[in-house]
Amino acid sequence: MAWTKNERMVKKANERAKGNKIEHLVNIITADAHKLPFPRNKFDSLISESVIAFTGDKIKVLKEYMHVTKPGGYVGLNEITWIKENPPKSLVRYLIYNAGGATPKSPNGWKKLLEDSGLKTITSEIHPLDYPSHENESEDSSKARHKLIALYFKEPSYRRDILKTIIGTWQMPDNLFEYMGYGIYCCQKGDNMRGH
């Protein structure tokens, strides 16, 4: 049986849940962020990590998040963020090509987007990215790198994407981490927003 990448990821996530004896607590599925397969006002909170920067219609995705979140509920985002204004065009092009079409925003850009969607930003934190060199590479980074290499040899369908990532790392602009970081944004859906 041929598995798609998403099916393999769900299978692997379910195996990890079972290995950690939490399979009865989670339901792992794939879905389009533009049209989530959940009823209106289903969740008390929703957490999204590195999703919206990769979507074409960011407002539509945020409105979809609000649709499935209960009135007064919370939406938490972790998104790549420009930590310095006016990034060079070469950095923007690099991210679009080497990071799956990512289009980060500045902290104020993210906040405006959240407001435009109808969410109220409660708090936000901006952090620089810390990309370890080989000399000070953390144990987790080292394990992740080894898993990526193993995956390259074990799963032929991932090879093109992994190779693109590796080549992209070699081509990484020196000033990338001067401009790029991540933002954590905690938002709330208004109590009177039942129709969204």
Protein backbone atom coordinates (compact mmCIF):
# COMPACT_ATOMS: atom_id res chain seq x y z
CA MET A 1 0.00 0.00 0.00
CA ALA A 2 1.38 3.43 -0.95
CA TRP A 3 1.10 6.02 1.81
CA THR A 4 1.02 9.78 1.28
CA LYS A 5 3.29 11.96 3.43
CA ASN A 6 0.34 13.15 5.53
CA GLU A 7 -0.88 9.60 6.10
CA ARG A 8 2.62 8.57 7.19
CA MET A 9 2.82 11.52 9.56
CA VAL A 10 -0.53 10.62 11.14
CA LYS A 11 0.53 6.96 11.40
CA LYS A 12 3.80 7.97 13.07
CA ALA A 13 2.01 10.37 15.44
CA ASN A 14 -0.45 7.64 16.41
CA GLU A 15 2.46 5.25 17.05
CA ARG A 16 4.13 7.86 19.27
CA ALA A 17 0.86 8.43 21.16
CA LYS A 18 0.51 4.68 21.70
CA GLY A 19 4.16 4.41 22.79
CA ASN A 20 3.53 7.14 25.37
CA LYS A 21 0.24 5.49 26.43
CA ILE A 22 -1.89 8.54 25.57
CA GLU A 23 -3.67 7.20 22.48
CA HIS A 24 -7.00 7.36 24.36
CA LEU A 25 -6.49 11.13 24.89
CA VAL A 26 -5.78 12.24 21.32
CA ASN A 27 -7.40 12.11 17.90
CA ILE A 28 -4.86 12.82 15.17
CA ILE A 29 -6.17 13.85 11.76
CA THR A 30 -5.14 16.01 8.79
CA ALA A 31 -7.27 18.92 7.65
CA ASP A 32 -7.21 22.04 5.51
CA ALA A 33 -6.78 25.10 7.78
CA HIS A 34 -9.05 27.06 5.42
CA LYS A 35 -11.95 24.68 6.13
CA LEU A 36 -11.66 22.77 9.41
CA PRO A 37 -13.88 19.67 9.80
CA PHE A 38 -15.31 20.69 13.19
CA PRO A 39 -18.63 22.27 14.18
CA ARG A 40 -18.97 25.92 15.21
CA ASN A 41 -17.97 26.77 18.79
CA LYS A 42 -16.48 23.31 19.42
CA PHE A 43 -13.24 24.10 21.32
CA ASP A 44 -12.36 26.09 24.44
CA SER A 45 -8.96 26.82 22.92
CA LEU A 46 -7.01 26.27 19.72
CA ILE A 47 -3.23 26.23 19.34
CA SER A 48 -1.58 26.70 15.96
CA GLU A 49 2.16 26.43 15.37
CA SER A 50 3.80 27.60 12.14
CA VAL A 51 0.66 27.31 10.03
CA ILE A 52 -0.63 30.76 9.10
CA ALA A 53 2.68 32.04 7.68
CA PHE A 54 2.38 29.26 5.07
CA THR A 55 -1.22 29.96 4.02
CA GLY A 56 -2.40 32.12 1.16
CA ASP A 57 -5.51 33.58 2.80
CA LYS A 58 -4.43 34.27 6.36
CA ILE A 59 -7.64 36.09 7.33
CA LYS A 60 -9.75 33.15 6.14
CA VAL A 61 -7.69 30.74 8.28
CA LEU A 62 -7.99 32.98 11.36
CA LYS A 63 -11.75 33.28 10.82
CA GLU A 64 -11.91 29.49 10.55
CA TYR A 65 -10.05 29.25 13.87
CA MET A 66 -12.64 31.58 15.39
CA HIS A 67 -15.48 29.54 13.86
CA VAL A 68 -14.46 26.39 15.75
CA THR A 69 -13.54 28.21 19.00
CA LYS A 70 -16.22 28.92 21.63
CA PRO A 71 -17.15 32.53 22.41
CA GLY A 72 -14.68 33.77 25.03
CA GLY A 73 -12.30 30.98 24.00
CA TYR A 74 -8.61 31.37 23.24
CA VAL A 75 -6.49 31.07 20.11
CA GLY A 76 -2.74 30.67 20.57
CA LEU A 77 -0.32 31.16 17.70
CA ASN A 78 3.40 30.51 17.32
CA GLU A 79 4.47 32.05 14.01
CA ILE A 80 7.71 33.06 12.34
CA THR A 81 8.09 36.80 12.75
CA TRP A 82 10.36 39.51 11.42
CA ILE A 83 12.08 40.82 14.56
CA LYS A 84 13.69 43.65 12.62
CA GLU A 85 11.79 45.94 10.24
CA ASN A 86 12.33 45.99 6.47
CA PRO A 87 14.06 42.65 5.83
CA PRO A 88 16.13 42.59 2.64
CA LYS A 89 14.28 41.24 -0.41
CA SER A 90 16.86 38.46 -0.67
CA LEU A 91 15.75 37.14 2.75
CA VAL A 92 12.08 37.29 1.78
CA ARG A 93 12.82 35.35 -1.44
CA TYR A 94 14.94 32.82 0.47
CA LEU A 95 12.06 32.05 2.85
CA ILE A 96 9.47 31.80 0.11
CA TYR A 97 11.64 29.33 -1.83
CA ASN A 98 13.35 27.38 0.97
CA ALA A 99 10.69 27.46 3.68
CA GLY A 100 7.66 26.22 1.79
CA GLY A 101 6.37 29.64 0.76
CA ALA A 102 6.44 31.15 4.26
CA THR A 103 5.50 34.82 4.44
CA PRO A 104 6.29 36.10 7.94
CA LYS A 105 5.01 39.39 9.29
CA SER A 106 6.39 41.89 11.77
CA PRO A 107 4.93 41.79 15.32
CA ASN A 108 2.67 44.74 14.42
CA GLY A 109 1.74 43.03 11.15
CA TRP A 110 0.63 39.88 13.00
CA LYS A 111 -1.33 41.95 15.57
CA LYS A 112 -3.10 43.88 12.81
CA LEU A 113 -3.95 40.64 11.02
CA LEU A 114 -5.39 39.22 14.26
CA GLU A 115 -7.46 42.37 14.85
CA ASP A 116 -8.67 42.37 11.22
CA SER A 117 -9.91 38.81 11.71
CA GLY A 118 -11.84 39.80 14.83
CA LEU A 119 -9.54 38.30 17.47
CA LYS A 120 -8.42 40.36 20.44
CA THR A 121 -4.70 40.04 21.20
CA ILE A 122 -4.22 39.56 24.94
CA THR A 123 -0.46 39.16 25.00
CA SER A 124 2.45 38.56 22.66
CA GLU A 125 6.12 37.67 23.03
CA ILE A 126 8.77 38.00 20.36
CA HIS A 127 11.89 35.82 20.44
CA PRO A 128 14.97 35.59 18.23
CA LEU A 129 15.78 32.26 16.63
CA ASP A 130 18.90 30.61 17.93
CA TYR A 131 20.43 28.37 15.30
CA PRO A 132 23.18 26.31 16.94
CA SER A 133 26.53 25.85 15.28
CA HIS A 134 28.12 22.38 15.29
CA GLU A 135 30.30 23.46 18.23
CA ASN A 136 27.37 24.32 20.50
CA GLU A 137 24.68 22.13 18.95
CA SER A 138 22.17 20.90 21.53
CA GLU A 139 21.49 17.21 21.99
CA ASP A 140 17.94 17.68 20.62
CA SER A 141 19.24 19.46 17.50
CA SER A 142 21.76 16.70 16.94
CA LYS A 143 19.07 14.02 17.28
CA ALA A 144 16.79 15.89 14.87
CA ARG A 145 19.59 16.17 12.31
CA HIS A 146 20.34 12.43 12.57
CA LYS A 147 16.63 11.58 12.20
CA LEU A 148 16.44 13.75 9.09
CA ILE A 149 19.40 11.93 7.55
CA ALA A 150 17.91 8.53 8.45
CA LEU A 151 14.56 9.55 6.97
CA TYR A 152 16.31 10.57 3.76
CA PHE A 153 17.60 6.99 3.30
CA LYS A 154 14.53 5.12 4.62
CA GLU A 155 11.71 7.03 2.92
CA PRO A 156 12.29 7.79 -0.78
CA SER A 157 9.20 10.03 -1.00
CA TYR A 158 10.76 12.49 1.46
CA ARG A 159 14.11 12.76 -0.32
CA ARG A 160 13.32 15.72 -2.55
CA ASP A 161 12.00 17.81 0.38
CA ILE A 162 14.88 16.83 2.66
CA LEU A 163 17.44 17.59 -0.03
CA LYS A 164 15.80 20.98 -0.62
CA THR A 165 16.00 21.68 3.13
CA ILE A 166 19.66 20.69 3.31
CA ILE A 167 20.58 22.76 0.25
CA GLY A 168 18.53 25.63 1.65
CA THR A 169 20.55 25.44 4.88
CA TRP A 170 23.80 25.69 2.90
CA GLN A 171 22.40 28.72 1.04
CA MET A 172 21.10 30.35 4.23
CA PRO A 173 21.87 34.08 4.22
CA ASP A 174 24.27 35.16 6.95
CA ASN A 175 21.87 37.80 8.25
CA LEU A 176 18.76 35.60 8.43
CA PHE A 177 18.72 35.35 12.23
CA GLU A 178 19.31 39.08 12.53
CA TYR A 179 15.84 39.58 11.02
CA MET A 180 13.87 36.41 11.68
CA GLY A 181 12.49 35.09 14.94
CA TYR A 182 9.18 33.82 16.19
CA GLY A 183 6.21 35.35 17.92
CA ILE A 184 3.83 33.81 20.41
CA TYR A 185 0.43 35.47 20.26
CA CYS A 186 -2.38 34.74 22.70
CA CYS A 187 -5.78 35.93 21.49
CA GLN A 188 -9.38 35.72 22.57
CA LYS A 189 -12.60 35.37 20.65
CA GLY A 190 -15.20 37.84 21.92
CA ASP A 191 -18.16 36.55 23.94
CA ASN A 192 -20.60 38.06 21.47
CA MET A 193 -19.00 36.48 18.38
CA ARG A 194 -21.36 33.52 18.08
CA GLY A 195 -21.85 33.85 14.33
CA HIS A 196 -18.17 33.51 13.35
